PDBML (XML) file of the C-alpha atoms, coordinates in Angstrom:
<?xml version="1.0" encoding="UTF-8" ?>
<PDBx:datablock datablockName="MODEL"
   xmlns:PDBx="http://pdbml.pdb.org/schema/pdbx-v50.xsd"
   xmlns:xsi="http://www.w3.org/2001/XMLSchema-instance"
   xsi:schemaLocation="http://pdbml.pdb.org/schema/pdbx-v50.xsd pdbx-v50.xsd">
   <PDBx:atom_siteCategory>
      <PDBx:atom_site id="1">
         <PDBx:B_iso_or_equiv>0.00</PDBx:B_iso_or_equiv>
         <PDBx:Cartn_x>146.233</PDBx:Cartn_x>
         <PDBx:Cartn_y>-89.368</PDBx:Cartn_y>
         <PDBx:Cartn_z>135.556</PDBx:Cartn_z>
         <PDBx:auth_asym_id>A</PDBx:auth_asym_id>
         <PDBx:auth_atom_id>CA</PDBx:auth_atom_id>
         <PDBx:auth_comp_id>ILE</PDBx:auth_comp_id>
         <PDBx:auth_seq_id>1</PDBx:auth_seq_id>
         <PDBx:group_PDB>ATOM</PDBx:group_PDB>
         <PDBx:label_alt_id xsi:nil="true" />
         <PDBx:label_asym_id>A</PDBx:label_asym_id>
         <PDBx:label_atom_id>CA</PDBx:label_atom_id>
         <PDBx:label_comp_id>ILE</PDBx:label_comp_id>
         <PDBx:label_entity_id>1</PDBx:label_entity_id>
         <PDBx:label_seq_id>1</PDBx:label_seq_id>
         <PDBx:occupancy>1.00</PDBx:occupancy>
         <PDBx:pdbx_PDB_model_num>1</PDBx:pdbx_PDB_model_num>
         <PDBx:type_symbol>C</PDBx:type_symbol>
      </PDBx:atom_site>
      <PDBx:atom_site id="2">
         <PDBx:B_iso_or_equiv>0.00</PDBx:B_iso_or_equiv>
         <PDBx:Cartn_x>149.509</PDBx:Cartn_x>
         <PDBx:Cartn_y>-91.115</PDBx:Cartn_y>
         <PDBx:Cartn_z>136.380</PDBx:Cartn_z>
         <PDBx:auth_asym_id>A</PDBx:auth_asym_id>
         <PDBx:auth_atom_id>CA</PDBx:auth_atom_id>
         <PDBx:auth_comp_id>THR</PDBx:auth_comp_id>
         <PDBx:auth_seq_id>2</PDBx:auth_seq_id>
         <PDBx:group_PDB>ATOM</PDBx:group_PDB>
         <PDBx:label_alt_id xsi:nil="true" />
         <PDBx:label_asym_id>A</PDBx:label_asym_id>
         <PDBx:label_atom_id>CA</PDBx:label_atom_id>
         <PDBx:label_comp_id>THR</PDBx:label_comp_id>
         <PDBx:label_entity_id>1</PDBx:label_entity_id>
         <PDBx:label_seq_id>2</PDBx:label_seq_id>
         <PDBx:occupancy>1.00</PDBx:occupancy>
         <PDBx:pdbx_PDB_model_num>1</PDBx:pdbx_PDB_model_num>
         <PDBx:type_symbol>C</PDBx:type_symbol>
      </PDBx:atom_site>
      <PDBx:atom_site id="3">
         <PDBx:B_iso_or_equiv>0.00</PDBx:B_iso_or_equiv>
         <PDBx:Cartn_x>150.212</PDBx:Cartn_x>
         <PDBx:Cartn_y>-88.918</PDBx:Cartn_y>
         <PDBx:Cartn_z>139.386</PDBx:Cartn_z>
         <PDBx:auth_asym_id>A</PDBx:auth_asym_id>
         <PDBx:auth_atom_id>CA</PDBx:auth_atom_id>
         <PDBx:auth_comp_id>SER</PDBx:auth_comp_id>
         <PDBx:auth_seq_id>3</PDBx:auth_seq_id>
         <PDBx:group_PDB>ATOM</PDBx:group_PDB>
         <PDBx:label_alt_id xsi:nil="true" />
         <PDBx:label_asym_id>A</PDBx:label_asym_id>
         <PDBx:label_atom_id>CA</PDBx:label_atom_id>
         <PDBx:label_comp_id>SER</PDBx:label_comp_id>
         <PDBx:label_entity_id>1</PDBx:label_entity_id>
         <PDBx:label_seq_id>3</PDBx:label_seq_id>
         <PDBx:occupancy>1.00</PDBx:occupancy>
         <PDBx:pdbx_PDB_model_num>1</PDBx:pdbx_PDB_model_num>
         <PDBx:type_symbol>C</PDBx:type_symbol>
      </PDBx:atom_site>
      <PDBx:atom_site id="4">
         <PDBx:B_iso_or_equiv>0.00</PDBx:B_iso_or_equiv>
         <PDBx:Cartn_x>146.658</PDBx:Cartn_x>
         <PDBx:Cartn_y>-89.263</PDBx:Cartn_y>
         <PDBx:Cartn_z>140.703</PDBx:Cartn_z>
         <PDBx:auth_asym_id>A</PDBx:auth_asym_id>
         <PDBx:auth_atom_id>CA</PDBx:auth_atom_id>
         <PDBx:auth_comp_id>LEU</PDBx:auth_comp_id>
         <PDBx:auth_seq_id>4</PDBx:auth_seq_id>
         <PDBx:group_PDB>ATOM</PDBx:group_PDB>
         <PDBx:label_alt_id xsi:nil="true" />
         <PDBx:label_asym_id>A</PDBx:label_asym_id>
         <PDBx:label_atom_id>CA</PDBx:label_atom_id>
         <PDBx:label_comp_id>LEU</PDBx:label_comp_id>
         <PDBx:label_entity_id>1</PDBx:label_entity_id>
         <PDBx:label_seq_id>4</PDBx:label_seq_id>
         <PDBx:occupancy>1.00</PDBx:occupancy>
         <PDBx:pdbx_PDB_model_num>1</PDBx:pdbx_PDB_model_num>
         <PDBx:type_symbol>C</PDBx:type_symbol>
      </PDBx:atom_site>
      <PDBx:atom_site id="5">
         <PDBx:B_iso_or_equiv>0.00</PDBx:B_iso_or_equiv>
         <PDBx:Cartn_x>146.785</PDBx:Cartn_x>
         <PDBx:Cartn_y>-93.054</PDBx:Cartn_y>
         <PDBx:Cartn_z>140.233</PDBx:Cartn_z>
         <PDBx:auth_asym_id>A</PDBx:auth_asym_id>
         <PDBx:auth_atom_id>CA</PDBx:auth_atom_id>
         <PDBx:auth_comp_id>ALA</PDBx:auth_comp_id>
         <PDBx:auth_seq_id>5</PDBx:auth_seq_id>
         <PDBx:group_PDB>ATOM</PDBx:group_PDB>
         <PDBx:label_alt_id xsi:nil="true" />
         <PDBx:label_asym_id>A</PDBx:label_asym_id>
         <PDBx:label_atom_id>CA</PDBx:label_atom_id>
         <PDBx:label_comp_id>ALA</PDBx:label_comp_id>
         <PDBx:label_entity_id>1</PDBx:label_entity_id>
         <PDBx:label_seq_id>5</PDBx:label_seq_id>
         <PDBx:occupancy>1.00</PDBx:occupancy>
         <PDBx:pdbx_PDB_model_num>1</PDBx:pdbx_PDB_model_num>
         <PDBx:type_symbol>C</PDBx:type_symbol>
      </PDBx:atom_site>
      <PDBx:atom_site id="6">
         <PDBx:B_iso_or_equiv>0.00</PDBx:B_iso_or_equiv>
         <PDBx:Cartn_x>150.034</PDBx:Cartn_x>
         <PDBx:Cartn_y>-93.195</PDBx:Cartn_y>
         <PDBx:Cartn_z>142.202</PDBx:Cartn_z>
         <PDBx:auth_asym_id>A</PDBx:auth_asym_id>
         <PDBx:auth_atom_id>CA</PDBx:auth_atom_id>
         <PDBx:auth_comp_id>ILE</PDBx:auth_comp_id>
         <PDBx:auth_seq_id>6</PDBx:auth_seq_id>
         <PDBx:group_PDB>ATOM</PDBx:group_PDB>
         <PDBx:label_alt_id xsi:nil="true" />
         <PDBx:label_asym_id>A</PDBx:label_asym_id>
         <PDBx:label_atom_id>CA</PDBx:label_atom_id>
         <PDBx:label_comp_id>ILE</PDBx:label_comp_id>
         <PDBx:label_entity_id>1</PDBx:label_entity_id>
         <PDBx:label_seq_id>6</PDBx:label_seq_id>
         <PDBx:occupancy>1.00</PDBx:occupancy>
         <PDBx:pdbx_PDB_model_num>1</PDBx:pdbx_PDB_model_num>
         <PDBx:type_symbol>C</PDBx:type_symbol>
      </PDBx:atom_site>
      <PDBx:atom_site id="7">
         <PDBx:B_iso_or_equiv>0.00</PDBx:B_iso_or_equiv>
         <PDBx:Cartn_x>148.444</PDBx:Cartn_x>
         <PDBx:Cartn_y>-91.039</PDBx:Cartn_y>
         <PDBx:Cartn_z>144.900</PDBx:Cartn_z>
         <PDBx:auth_asym_id>A</PDBx:auth_asym_id>
         <PDBx:auth_atom_id>CA</PDBx:auth_atom_id>
         <PDBx:auth_comp_id>GLY</PDBx:auth_comp_id>
         <PDBx:auth_seq_id>7</PDBx:auth_seq_id>
         <PDBx:group_PDB>ATOM</PDBx:group_PDB>
         <PDBx:label_alt_id xsi:nil="true" />
         <PDBx:label_asym_id>A</PDBx:label_asym_id>
         <PDBx:label_atom_id>CA</PDBx:label_atom_id>
         <PDBx:label_comp_id>GLY</PDBx:label_comp_id>
         <PDBx:label_entity_id>1</PDBx:label_entity_id>
         <PDBx:label_seq_id>7</PDBx:label_seq_id>
         <PDBx:occupancy>1.00</PDBx:occupancy>
         <PDBx:pdbx_PDB_model_num>1</PDBx:pdbx_PDB_model_num>
         <PDBx:type_symbol>C</PDBx:type_symbol>
      </PDBx:atom_site>
      <PDBx:atom_site id="8">
         <PDBx:B_iso_or_equiv>0.00</PDBx:B_iso_or_equiv>
         <PDBx:Cartn_x>145.393</PDBx:Cartn_x>
         <PDBx:Cartn_y>-93.316</PDBx:Cartn_y>
         <PDBx:Cartn_z>144.973</PDBx:Cartn_z>
         <PDBx:auth_asym_id>A</PDBx:auth_asym_id>
         <PDBx:auth_atom_id>CA</PDBx:auth_atom_id>
         <PDBx:auth_comp_id>PHE</PDBx:auth_comp_id>
         <PDBx:auth_seq_id>8</PDBx:auth_seq_id>
         <PDBx:group_PDB>ATOM</PDBx:group_PDB>
         <PDBx:label_alt_id xsi:nil="true" />
         <PDBx:label_asym_id>A</PDBx:label_asym_id>
         <PDBx:label_atom_id>CA</PDBx:label_atom_id>
         <PDBx:label_comp_id>PHE</PDBx:label_comp_id>
         <PDBx:label_entity_id>1</PDBx:label_entity_id>
         <PDBx:label_seq_id>8</PDBx:label_seq_id>
         <PDBx:occupancy>1.00</PDBx:occupancy>
         <PDBx:pdbx_PDB_model_num>1</PDBx:pdbx_PDB_model_num>
         <PDBx:type_symbol>C</PDBx:type_symbol>
      </PDBx:atom_site>
      <PDBx:atom_site id="9">
         <PDBx:B_iso_or_equiv>0.00</PDBx:B_iso_or_equiv>
         <PDBx:Cartn_x>147.549</PDBx:Cartn_x>
         <PDBx:Cartn_y>-96.429</PDBx:Cartn_y>
         <PDBx:Cartn_z>145.391</PDBx:Cartn_z>
         <PDBx:auth_asym_id>A</PDBx:auth_asym_id>
         <PDBx:auth_atom_id>CA</PDBx:auth_atom_id>
         <PDBx:auth_comp_id>VAL</PDBx:auth_comp_id>
         <PDBx:auth_seq_id>9</PDBx:auth_seq_id>
         <PDBx:group_PDB>ATOM</PDBx:group_PDB>
         <PDBx:label_alt_id xsi:nil="true" />
         <PDBx:label_asym_id>A</PDBx:label_asym_id>
         <PDBx:label_atom_id>CA</PDBx:label_atom_id>
         <PDBx:label_comp_id>VAL</PDBx:label_comp_id>
         <PDBx:label_entity_id>1</PDBx:label_entity_id>
         <PDBx:label_seq_id>9</PDBx:label_seq_id>
         <PDBx:occupancy>1.00</PDBx:occupancy>
         <PDBx:pdbx_PDB_model_num>1</PDBx:pdbx_PDB_model_num>
         <PDBx:type_symbol>C</PDBx:type_symbol>
      </PDBx:atom_site>
      <PDBx:atom_site id="10">
         <PDBx:B_iso_or_equiv>0.00</PDBx:B_iso_or_equiv>
         <PDBx:Cartn_x>149.684</PDBx:Cartn_x>
         <PDBx:Cartn_y>-94.794</PDBx:Cartn_y>
         <PDBx:Cartn_z>148.094</PDBx:Cartn_z>
         <PDBx:auth_asym_id>A</PDBx:auth_asym_id>
         <PDBx:auth_atom_id>CA</PDBx:auth_atom_id>
         <PDBx:auth_comp_id>LEU</PDBx:auth_comp_id>
         <PDBx:auth_seq_id>10</PDBx:auth_seq_id>
         <PDBx:group_PDB>ATOM</PDBx:group_PDB>
         <PDBx:label_alt_id xsi:nil="true" />
         <PDBx:label_asym_id>A</PDBx:label_asym_id>
         <PDBx:label_atom_id>CA</PDBx:label_atom_id>
         <PDBx:label_comp_id>LEU</PDBx:label_comp_id>
         <PDBx:label_entity_id>1</PDBx:label_entity_id>
         <PDBx:label_seq_id>10</PDBx:label_seq_id>
         <PDBx:occupancy>1.00</PDBx:occupancy>
         <PDBx:pdbx_PDB_model_num>1</PDBx:pdbx_PDB_model_num>
         <PDBx:type_symbol>C</PDBx:type_symbol>
      </PDBx:atom_site>
      <PDBx:atom_site id="11">
         <PDBx:B_iso_or_equiv>0.00</PDBx:B_iso_or_equiv>
         <PDBx:Cartn_x>146.534</PDBx:Cartn_x>
         <PDBx:Cartn_y>-93.573</PDBx:Cartn_y>
         <PDBx:Cartn_z>149.842</PDBx:Cartn_z>
         <PDBx:auth_asym_id>A</PDBx:auth_asym_id>
         <PDBx:auth_atom_id>CA</PDBx:auth_atom_id>
         <PDBx:auth_comp_id>GLY</PDBx:auth_comp_id>
         <PDBx:auth_seq_id>11</PDBx:auth_seq_id>
         <PDBx:group_PDB>ATOM</PDBx:group_PDB>
         <PDBx:label_alt_id xsi:nil="true" />
         <PDBx:label_asym_id>A</PDBx:label_asym_id>
         <PDBx:label_atom_id>CA</PDBx:label_atom_id>
         <PDBx:label_comp_id>GLY</PDBx:label_comp_id>
         <PDBx:label_entity_id>1</PDBx:label_entity_id>
         <PDBx:label_seq_id>11</PDBx:label_seq_id>
         <PDBx:occupancy>1.00</PDBx:occupancy>
         <PDBx:pdbx_PDB_model_num>1</PDBx:pdbx_PDB_model_num>
         <PDBx:type_symbol>C</PDBx:type_symbol>
      </PDBx:atom_site>
      <PDBx:atom_site id="12">
         <PDBx:B_iso_or_equiv>0.00</PDBx:B_iso_or_equiv>
         <PDBx:Cartn_x>145.023</PDBx:Cartn_x>
         <PDBx:Cartn_y>-97.055</PDBx:Cartn_y>
         <PDBx:Cartn_z>149.643</PDBx:Cartn_z>
         <PDBx:auth_asym_id>A</PDBx:auth_asym_id>
         <PDBx:auth_atom_id>CA</PDBx:auth_atom_id>
         <PDBx:auth_comp_id>PHE</PDBx:auth_comp_id>
         <PDBx:auth_seq_id>12</PDBx:auth_seq_id>
         <PDBx:group_PDB>ATOM</PDBx:group_PDB>
         <PDBx:label_alt_id xsi:nil="true" />
         <PDBx:label_asym_id>A</PDBx:label_asym_id>
         <PDBx:label_atom_id>CA</PDBx:label_atom_id>
         <PDBx:label_comp_id>PHE</PDBx:label_comp_id>
         <PDBx:label_entity_id>1</PDBx:label_entity_id>
         <PDBx:label_seq_id>12</PDBx:label_seq_id>
         <PDBx:occupancy>1.00</PDBx:occupancy>
         <PDBx:pdbx_PDB_model_num>1</PDBx:pdbx_PDB_model_num>
         <PDBx:type_symbol>C</PDBx:type_symbol>
      </PDBx:atom_site>
      <PDBx:atom_site id="13">
         <PDBx:B_iso_or_equiv>0.00</PDBx:B_iso_or_equiv>
         <PDBx:Cartn_x>148.129</PDBx:Cartn_x>
         <PDBx:Cartn_y>-98.562</PDBx:Cartn_y>
         <PDBx:Cartn_z>151.247</PDBx:Cartn_z>
         <PDBx:auth_asym_id>A</PDBx:auth_asym_id>
         <PDBx:auth_atom_id>CA</PDBx:auth_atom_id>
         <PDBx:auth_comp_id>VAL</PDBx:auth_comp_id>
         <PDBx:auth_seq_id>13</PDBx:auth_seq_id>
         <PDBx:group_PDB>ATOM</PDBx:group_PDB>
         <PDBx:label_alt_id xsi:nil="true" />
         <PDBx:label_asym_id>A</PDBx:label_asym_id>
         <PDBx:label_atom_id>CA</PDBx:label_atom_id>
         <PDBx:label_comp_id>VAL</PDBx:label_comp_id>
         <PDBx:label_entity_id>1</PDBx:label_entity_id>
         <PDBx:label_seq_id>13</PDBx:label_seq_id>
         <PDBx:occupancy>1.00</PDBx:occupancy>
         <PDBx:pdbx_PDB_model_num>1</PDBx:pdbx_PDB_model_num>
         <PDBx:type_symbol>C</PDBx:type_symbol>
      </PDBx:atom_site>
      <PDBx:atom_site id="14">
         <PDBx:B_iso_or_equiv>0.00</PDBx:B_iso_or_equiv>
         <PDBx:Cartn_x>148.185</PDBx:Cartn_x>
         <PDBx:Cartn_y>-95.879</PDBx:Cartn_y>
         <PDBx:Cartn_z>153.971</PDBx:Cartn_z>
         <PDBx:auth_asym_id>A</PDBx:auth_asym_id>
         <PDBx:auth_atom_id>CA</PDBx:auth_atom_id>
         <PDBx:auth_comp_id>ALA</PDBx:auth_comp_id>
         <PDBx:auth_seq_id>14</PDBx:auth_seq_id>
         <PDBx:group_PDB>ATOM</PDBx:group_PDB>
         <PDBx:label_alt_id xsi:nil="true" />
         <PDBx:label_asym_id>A</PDBx:label_asym_id>
         <PDBx:label_atom_id>CA</PDBx:label_atom_id>
         <PDBx:label_comp_id>ALA</PDBx:label_comp_id>
         <PDBx:label_entity_id>1</PDBx:label_entity_id>
         <PDBx:label_seq_id>14</PDBx:label_seq_id>
         <PDBx:occupancy>1.00</PDBx:occupancy>
         <PDBx:pdbx_PDB_model_num>1</PDBx:pdbx_PDB_model_num>
         <PDBx:type_symbol>C</PDBx:type_symbol>
      </PDBx:atom_site>
      <PDBx:atom_site id="15">
         <PDBx:B_iso_or_equiv>0.00</PDBx:B_iso_or_equiv>
         <PDBx:Cartn_x>144.494</PDBx:Cartn_x>
         <PDBx:Cartn_y>-96.435</PDBx:Cartn_y>
         <PDBx:Cartn_z>154.732</PDBx:Cartn_z>
         <PDBx:auth_asym_id>A</PDBx:auth_asym_id>
         <PDBx:auth_atom_id>CA</PDBx:auth_atom_id>
         <PDBx:auth_comp_id>LEU</PDBx:auth_comp_id>
         <PDBx:auth_seq_id>15</PDBx:auth_seq_id>
         <PDBx:group_PDB>ATOM</PDBx:group_PDB>
         <PDBx:label_alt_id xsi:nil="true" />
         <PDBx:label_asym_id>A</PDBx:label_asym_id>
         <PDBx:label_atom_id>CA</PDBx:label_atom_id>
         <PDBx:label_comp_id>LEU</PDBx:label_comp_id>
         <PDBx:label_entity_id>1</PDBx:label_entity_id>
         <PDBx:label_seq_id>15</PDBx:label_seq_id>
         <PDBx:occupancy>1.00</PDBx:occupancy>
         <PDBx:pdbx_PDB_model_num>1</PDBx:pdbx_PDB_model_num>
         <PDBx:type_symbol>C</PDBx:type_symbol>
      </PDBx:atom_site>
      <PDBx:atom_site id="16">
         <PDBx:B_iso_or_equiv>0.00</PDBx:B_iso_or_equiv>
         <PDBx:Cartn_x>145.005</PDBx:Cartn_x>
         <PDBx:Cartn_y>-100.185</PDBx:Cartn_y>
         <PDBx:Cartn_z>154.768</PDBx:Cartn_z>
         <PDBx:auth_asym_id>A</PDBx:auth_asym_id>
         <PDBx:auth_atom_id>CA</PDBx:auth_atom_id>
         <PDBx:auth_comp_id>TRP</PDBx:auth_comp_id>
         <PDBx:auth_seq_id>16</PDBx:auth_seq_id>
         <PDBx:group_PDB>ATOM</PDBx:group_PDB>
         <PDBx:label_alt_id xsi:nil="true" />
         <PDBx:label_asym_id>A</PDBx:label_asym_id>
         <PDBx:label_atom_id>CA</PDBx:label_atom_id>
         <PDBx:label_comp_id>TRP</PDBx:label_comp_id>
         <PDBx:label_entity_id>1</PDBx:label_entity_id>
         <PDBx:label_seq_id>16</PDBx:label_seq_id>
         <PDBx:occupancy>1.00</PDBx:occupancy>
         <PDBx:pdbx_PDB_model_num>1</PDBx:pdbx_PDB_model_num>
         <PDBx:type_symbol>C</PDBx:type_symbol>
      </PDBx:atom_site>
      <PDBx:atom_site id="17">
         <PDBx:B_iso_or_equiv>0.00</PDBx:B_iso_or_equiv>
         <PDBx:Cartn_x>147.727</PDBx:Cartn_x>
         <PDBx:Cartn_y>-99.774</PDBx:Cartn_y>
         <PDBx:Cartn_z>157.383</PDBx:Cartn_z>
         <PDBx:auth_asym_id>A</PDBx:auth_asym_id>
         <PDBx:auth_atom_id>CA</PDBx:auth_atom_id>
         <PDBx:auth_comp_id>VAL</PDBx:auth_comp_id>
         <PDBx:auth_seq_id>17</PDBx:auth_seq_id>
         <PDBx:group_PDB>ATOM</PDBx:group_PDB>
         <PDBx:label_alt_id xsi:nil="true" />
         <PDBx:label_asym_id>A</PDBx:label_asym_id>
         <PDBx:label_atom_id>CA</PDBx:label_atom_id>
         <PDBx:label_comp_id>VAL</PDBx:label_comp_id>
         <PDBx:label_entity_id>1</PDBx:label_entity_id>
         <PDBx:label_seq_id>17</PDBx:label_seq_id>
         <PDBx:occupancy>1.00</PDBx:occupancy>
         <PDBx:pdbx_PDB_model_num>1</PDBx:pdbx_PDB_model_num>
         <PDBx:type_symbol>C</PDBx:type_symbol>
      </PDBx:atom_site>
      <PDBx:atom_site id="18">
         <PDBx:B_iso_or_equiv>0.00</PDBx:B_iso_or_equiv>
         <PDBx:Cartn_x>145.322</PDBx:Cartn_x>
         <PDBx:Cartn_y>-97.849</PDBx:Cartn_y>
         <PDBx:Cartn_z>159.649</PDBx:Cartn_z>
         <PDBx:auth_asym_id>A</PDBx:auth_asym_id>
         <PDBx:auth_atom_id>CA</PDBx:auth_atom_id>
         <PDBx:auth_comp_id>VAL</PDBx:auth_comp_id>
         <PDBx:auth_seq_id>18</PDBx:auth_seq_id>
         <PDBx:group_PDB>ATOM</PDBx:group_PDB>
         <PDBx:label_alt_id xsi:nil="true" />
         <PDBx:label_asym_id>A</PDBx:label_asym_id>
         <PDBx:label_atom_id>CA</PDBx:label_atom_id>
         <PDBx:label_comp_id>VAL</PDBx:label_comp_id>
         <PDBx:label_entity_id>1</PDBx:label_entity_id>
         <PDBx:label_seq_id>18</PDBx:label_seq_id>
         <PDBx:occupancy>1.00</PDBx:occupancy>
         <PDBx:pdbx_PDB_model_num>1</PDBx:pdbx_PDB_model_num>
         <PDBx:type_symbol>C</PDBx:type_symbol>
      </PDBx:atom_site>
      <PDBx:atom_site id="19">
         <PDBx:B_iso_or_equiv>0.00</PDBx:B_iso_or_equiv>
         <PDBx:Cartn_x>142.204</PDBx:Cartn_x>
         <PDBx:Cartn_y>-99.818</PDBx:Cartn_y>
         <PDBx:Cartn_z>158.676</PDBx:Cartn_z>
         <PDBx:auth_asym_id>A</PDBx:auth_asym_id>
         <PDBx:auth_atom_id>CA</PDBx:auth_atom_id>
         <PDBx:auth_comp_id>ARG</PDBx:auth_comp_id>
         <PDBx:auth_seq_id>19</PDBx:auth_seq_id>
         <PDBx:group_PDB>ATOM</PDBx:group_PDB>
         <PDBx:label_alt_id xsi:nil="true" />
         <PDBx:label_asym_id>A</PDBx:label_asym_id>
         <PDBx:label_atom_id>CA</PDBx:label_atom_id>
         <PDBx:label_comp_id>ARG</PDBx:label_comp_id>
         <PDBx:label_entity_id>1</PDBx:label_entity_id>
         <PDBx:label_seq_id>19</PDBx:label_seq_id>
         <PDBx:occupancy>1.00</PDBx:occupancy>
         <PDBx:pdbx_PDB_model_num>1</PDBx:pdbx_PDB_model_num>
         <PDBx:type_symbol>C</PDBx:type_symbol>
      </PDBx:atom_site>
      <PDBx:atom_site id="20">
         <PDBx:B_iso_or_equiv>0.00</PDBx:B_iso_or_equiv>
         <PDBx:Cartn_x>141.404</PDBx:Cartn_x>
         <PDBx:Cartn_y>-100.478</PDBx:Cartn_y>
         <PDBx:Cartn_z>162.343</PDBx:Cartn_z>
         <PDBx:auth_asym_id>A</PDBx:auth_asym_id>
         <PDBx:auth_atom_id>CA</PDBx:auth_atom_id>
         <PDBx:auth_comp_id>GLY</PDBx:auth_comp_id>
         <PDBx:auth_seq_id>20</PDBx:auth_seq_id>
         <PDBx:group_PDB>ATOM</PDBx:group_PDB>
         <PDBx:label_alt_id xsi:nil="true" />
         <PDBx:label_asym_id>A</PDBx:label_asym_id>
         <PDBx:label_atom_id>CA</PDBx:label_atom_id>
         <PDBx:label_comp_id>GLY</PDBx:label_comp_id>
         <PDBx:label_entity_id>1</PDBx:label_entity_id>
         <PDBx:label_seq_id>20</PDBx:label_seq_id>
         <PDBx:occupancy>1.00</PDBx:occupancy>
         <PDBx:pdbx_PDB_model_num>1</PDBx:pdbx_PDB_model_num>
         <PDBx:type_symbol>C</PDBx:type_symbol>
      </PDBx:atom_site>
      <PDBx:atom_site id="21">
         <PDBx:B_iso_or_equiv>0.00</PDBx:B_iso_or_equiv>
         <PDBx:Cartn_x>140.353</PDBx:Cartn_x>
         <PDBx:Cartn_y>-96.836</PDBx:Cartn_y>
         <PDBx:Cartn_z>162.665</PDBx:Cartn_z>
         <PDBx:auth_asym_id>A</PDBx:auth_asym_id>
         <PDBx:auth_atom_id>CA</PDBx:auth_atom_id>
         <PDBx:auth_comp_id>LEU</PDBx:auth_comp_id>
         <PDBx:auth_seq_id>21</PDBx:auth_seq_id>
         <PDBx:group_PDB>ATOM</PDBx:group_PDB>
         <PDBx:label_alt_id xsi:nil="true" />
         <PDBx:label_asym_id>A</PDBx:label_asym_id>
         <PDBx:label_atom_id>CA</PDBx:label_atom_id>
         <PDBx:label_comp_id>LEU</PDBx:label_comp_id>
         <PDBx:label_entity_id>1</PDBx:label_entity_id>
         <PDBx:label_seq_id>21</PDBx:label_seq_id>
         <PDBx:occupancy>1.00</PDBx:occupancy>
         <PDBx:pdbx_PDB_model_num>1</PDBx:pdbx_PDB_model_num>
         <PDBx:type_symbol>C</PDBx:type_symbol>
      </PDBx:atom_site>
      <PDBx:atom_site id="22">
         <PDBx:B_iso_or_equiv>0.00</PDBx:B_iso_or_equiv>
         <PDBx:Cartn_x>137.483</PDBx:Cartn_x>
         <PDBx:Cartn_y>-97.284</PDBx:Cartn_y>
         <PDBx:Cartn_z>160.202</PDBx:Cartn_z>
         <PDBx:auth_asym_id>A</PDBx:auth_asym_id>
         <PDBx:auth_atom_id>CA</PDBx:auth_atom_id>
         <PDBx:auth_comp_id>PHE</PDBx:auth_comp_id>
         <PDBx:auth_seq_id>22</PDBx:auth_seq_id>
         <PDBx:group_PDB>ATOM</PDBx:group_PDB>
         <PDBx:label_alt_id xsi:nil="true" />
         <PDBx:label_asym_id>A</PDBx:label_asym_id>
         <PDBx:label_atom_id>CA</PDBx:label_atom_id>
         <PDBx:label_comp_id>PHE</PDBx:label_comp_id>
         <PDBx:label_entity_id>1</PDBx:label_entity_id>
         <PDBx:label_seq_id>22</PDBx:label_seq_id>
         <PDBx:occupancy>1.00</PDBx:occupancy>
         <PDBx:pdbx_PDB_model_num>1</PDBx:pdbx_PDB_model_num>
         <PDBx:type_symbol>C</PDBx:type_symbol>
      </PDBx:atom_site>
      <PDBx:atom_site id="23">
         <PDBx:B_iso_or_equiv>0.00</PDBx:B_iso_or_equiv>
         <PDBx:Cartn_x>134.372</PDBx:Cartn_x>
         <PDBx:Cartn_y>-99.438</PDBx:Cartn_y>
         <PDBx:Cartn_z>160.329</PDBx:Cartn_z>
         <PDBx:auth_asym_id>A</PDBx:auth_asym_id>
         <PDBx:auth_atom_id>CA</PDBx:auth_atom_id>
         <PDBx:auth_comp_id>PRO</PDBx:auth_comp_id>
         <PDBx:auth_seq_id>23</PDBx:auth_seq_id>
         <PDBx:group_PDB>ATOM</PDBx:group_PDB>
         <PDBx:label_alt_id xsi:nil="true" />
         <PDBx:label_asym_id>A</PDBx:label_asym_id>
         <PDBx:label_atom_id>CA</PDBx:label_atom_id>
         <PDBx:label_comp_id>PRO</PDBx:label_comp_id>
         <PDBx:label_entity_id>1</PDBx:label_entity_id>
         <PDBx:label_seq_id>23</PDBx:label_seq_id>
         <PDBx:occupancy>1.00</PDBx:occupancy>
         <PDBx:pdbx_PDB_model_num>1</PDBx:pdbx_PDB_model_num>
         <PDBx:type_symbol>C</PDBx:type_symbol>
      </PDBx:atom_site>
      <PDBx:atom_site id="24">
         <PDBx:B_iso_or_equiv>0.00</PDBx:B_iso_or_equiv>
         <PDBx:Cartn_x>134.715</PDBx:Cartn_x>
         <PDBx:Cartn_y>-102.489</PDBx:Cartn_y>
         <PDBx:Cartn_z>158.078</PDBx:Cartn_z>
         <PDBx:auth_asym_id>A</PDBx:auth_asym_id>
         <PDBx:auth_atom_id>CA</PDBx:auth_atom_id>
         <PDBx:auth_comp_id>ASP</PDBx:auth_comp_id>
         <PDBx:auth_seq_id>24</PDBx:auth_seq_id>
         <PDBx:group_PDB>ATOM</PDBx:group_PDB>
         <PDBx:label_alt_id xsi:nil="true" />
         <PDBx:label_asym_id>A</PDBx:label_asym_id>
         <PDBx:label_atom_id>CA</PDBx:label_atom_id>
         <PDBx:label_comp_id>ASP</PDBx:label_comp_id>
         <PDBx:label_entity_id>1</PDBx:label_entity_id>
         <PDBx:label_seq_id>24</PDBx:label_seq_id>
         <PDBx:occupancy>1.00</PDBx:occupancy>
         <PDBx:pdbx_PDB_model_num>1</PDBx:pdbx_PDB_model_num>
         <PDBx:type_symbol>C</PDBx:type_symbol>
      </PDBx:atom_site>
      <PDBx:atom_site id="25">
         <PDBx:B_iso_or_equiv>0.00</PDBx:B_iso_or_equiv>
         <PDBx:Cartn_x>132.612</PDBx:Cartn_x>
         <PDBx:Cartn_y>-101.787</PDBx:Cartn_y>
         <PDBx:Cartn_z>154.994</PDBx:Cartn_z>
         <PDBx:auth_asym_id>A</PDBx:auth_asym_id>
         <PDBx:auth_atom_id>CA</PDBx:auth_atom_id>
         <PDBx:auth_comp_id>ASP</PDBx:auth_comp_id>
         <PDBx:auth_seq_id>25</PDBx:auth_seq_id>
         <PDBx:group_PDB>ATOM</PDBx:group_PDB>
         <PDBx:label_alt_id xsi:nil="true" />
         <PDBx:label_asym_id>A</PDBx:label_asym_id>
         <PDBx:label_atom_id>CA</PDBx:label_atom_id>
         <PDBx:label_comp_id>ASP</PDBx:label_comp_id>
         <PDBx:label_entity_id>1</PDBx:label_entity_id>
         <PDBx:label_seq_id>25</PDBx:label_seq_id>
         <PDBx:occupancy>1.00</PDBx:occupancy>
         <PDBx:pdbx_PDB_model_num>1</PDBx:pdbx_PDB_model_num>
         <PDBx:type_symbol>C</PDBx:type_symbol>
      </PDBx:atom_site>
   </PDBx:atom_siteCategory>
</PDBx:datablock>
């Protein structure tokens, strides 16, 4: 759970950085 939570947070940050590539939902 800890590793997946870290991966989720890192993924969230990475997606936030490239948020212009996605429609704003």
